[in-house]
């Protein structure tokens, strides 16, 4: 993943994977399809966000940094 994306996009992909994983986990807990302590594969989120970052990484990074006036 790191070799494929490079430094700035790797951070974007990891951040997206954490956020997406948290959203799916909370949804599963609320809908009672998973119990606390259940294990959810994180590799799925890493793979999905790698593809998203390959397609839209620069736009996502500029949008996110623009929220905090870093650009």
Protein backbone atom coordinates (compact mmCIF):
# COMPACT_ATOMS: atom_id res chain seq x y z
CA UNK A 1 0.00 0.00 0.00
CA UNK A 2 2.79 2.39 0.90
CA UNK A 3 4.78 1.61 -2.23
CA UNK A 4 1.72 1.99 -4.41
CA UNK A 5 0.46 5.28 -2.96
CA UNK A 6 3.51 7.16 -1.68
CA UNK A 7 3.73 9.34 1.41
CA UNK A 8 0.91 11.90 1.32
CA UNK A 9 -1.64 9.54 -0.18
CA UNK A 10 -0.77 6.79 2.31
CA UNK A 11 -1.91 9.05 5.14
CA UNK A 12 -5.15 9.78 3.28
CA UNK A 13 -5.84 6.08 2.73
CA UNK A 14 -5.12 5.15 6.37
CA UNK A 15 -7.26 7.99 7.67
CA UNK A 16 -10.14 6.97 5.40
CA UNK A 17 -9.77 3.32 6.43
CA UNK A 18 -10.03 4.25 10.12
CA UNK A 19 -13.08 6.44 9.53
CA UNK A 20 -14.82 3.92 7.27
CA UNK A 21 -14.07 1.08 9.68
CA UNK A 22 -15.47 3.07 12.59
CA UNK A 23 -18.66 3.95 10.68
CA UNK A 24 -19.27 0.33 9.67
CA UNK A 25 -18.51 -0.92 13.19
CA UNK A 26 -20.89 1.54 14.82
CA UNK A 27 -23.57 0.63 12.28
CA UNK A 28 -23.14 -3.08 13.04
CA UNK A 29 -23.32 -2.43 16.79
CA UNK A 30 -26.44 -0.27 16.51
CA UNK A 31 -28.21 -2.76 14.24
CA UNK A 32 -27.16 -5.55 16.65
CA UNK A 33 -25.54 -7.57 13.88
CA UNK A 34 -22.31 -7.61 15.89
CA UNK A 35 -21.62 -7.62 19.61
CA UNK A 36 -18.98 -5.68 21.48
CA UNK A 37 -15.65 -7.39 21.14
CA UNK A 38 -16.51 -8.86 17.74
CA UNK A 39 -13.63 -8.82 15.29
CA UNK A 40 -14.02 -7.09 11.95
CA UNK A 41 -11.42 -7.56 9.21
CA UNK A 42 -9.54 -4.29 8.69
CA UNK A 43 -7.87 -5.38 5.45
CA UNK A 44 -11.13 -4.87 3.58
CA UNK A 45 -11.19 -1.22 4.55
CA UNK A 46 -7.50 -0.80 3.66
CA UNK A 47 -8.08 -2.28 0.20
CA UNK A 48 -11.15 -0.18 -0.47
CA UNK A 49 -9.56 3.06 0.63
CA UNK A 50 -6.41 2.31 -1.39
CA UNK A 51 -8.54 2.23 -4.54
CA UNK A 52 -10.45 5.36 -3.50
CA UNK A 53 -7.17 7.15 -2.79
CA UNK A 54 -5.70 6.12 -6.13
CA UNK A 55 -8.71 7.69 -7.85
CA UNK A 56 -9.42 10.72 -5.65
CA UNK A 57 -6.46 11.08 -3.26
CA UNK A 58 -5.31 14.57 -4.24
CA UNK A 59 -8.83 15.99 -4.21
CA UNK A 60 -9.55 14.46 -0.79
CA UNK A 61 -6.29 15.75 0.67
CA UNK A 62 -6.85 19.29 -0.61
CA UNK A 63 -10.46 19.26 0.60
CA UNK A 64 -9.48 18.07 4.08
CA UNK A 65 -6.59 20.49 4.48
CA UNK A 66 -8.83 23.28 3.17
CA UNK A 67 -11.19 22.69 6.10
CA UNK A 68 -8.47 23.87 8.48
CA UNK A 69 -7.08 26.62 6.21
CA UNK A 70 -3.76 24.82 5.64
CA UNK A 71 -4.00 25.52 1.91
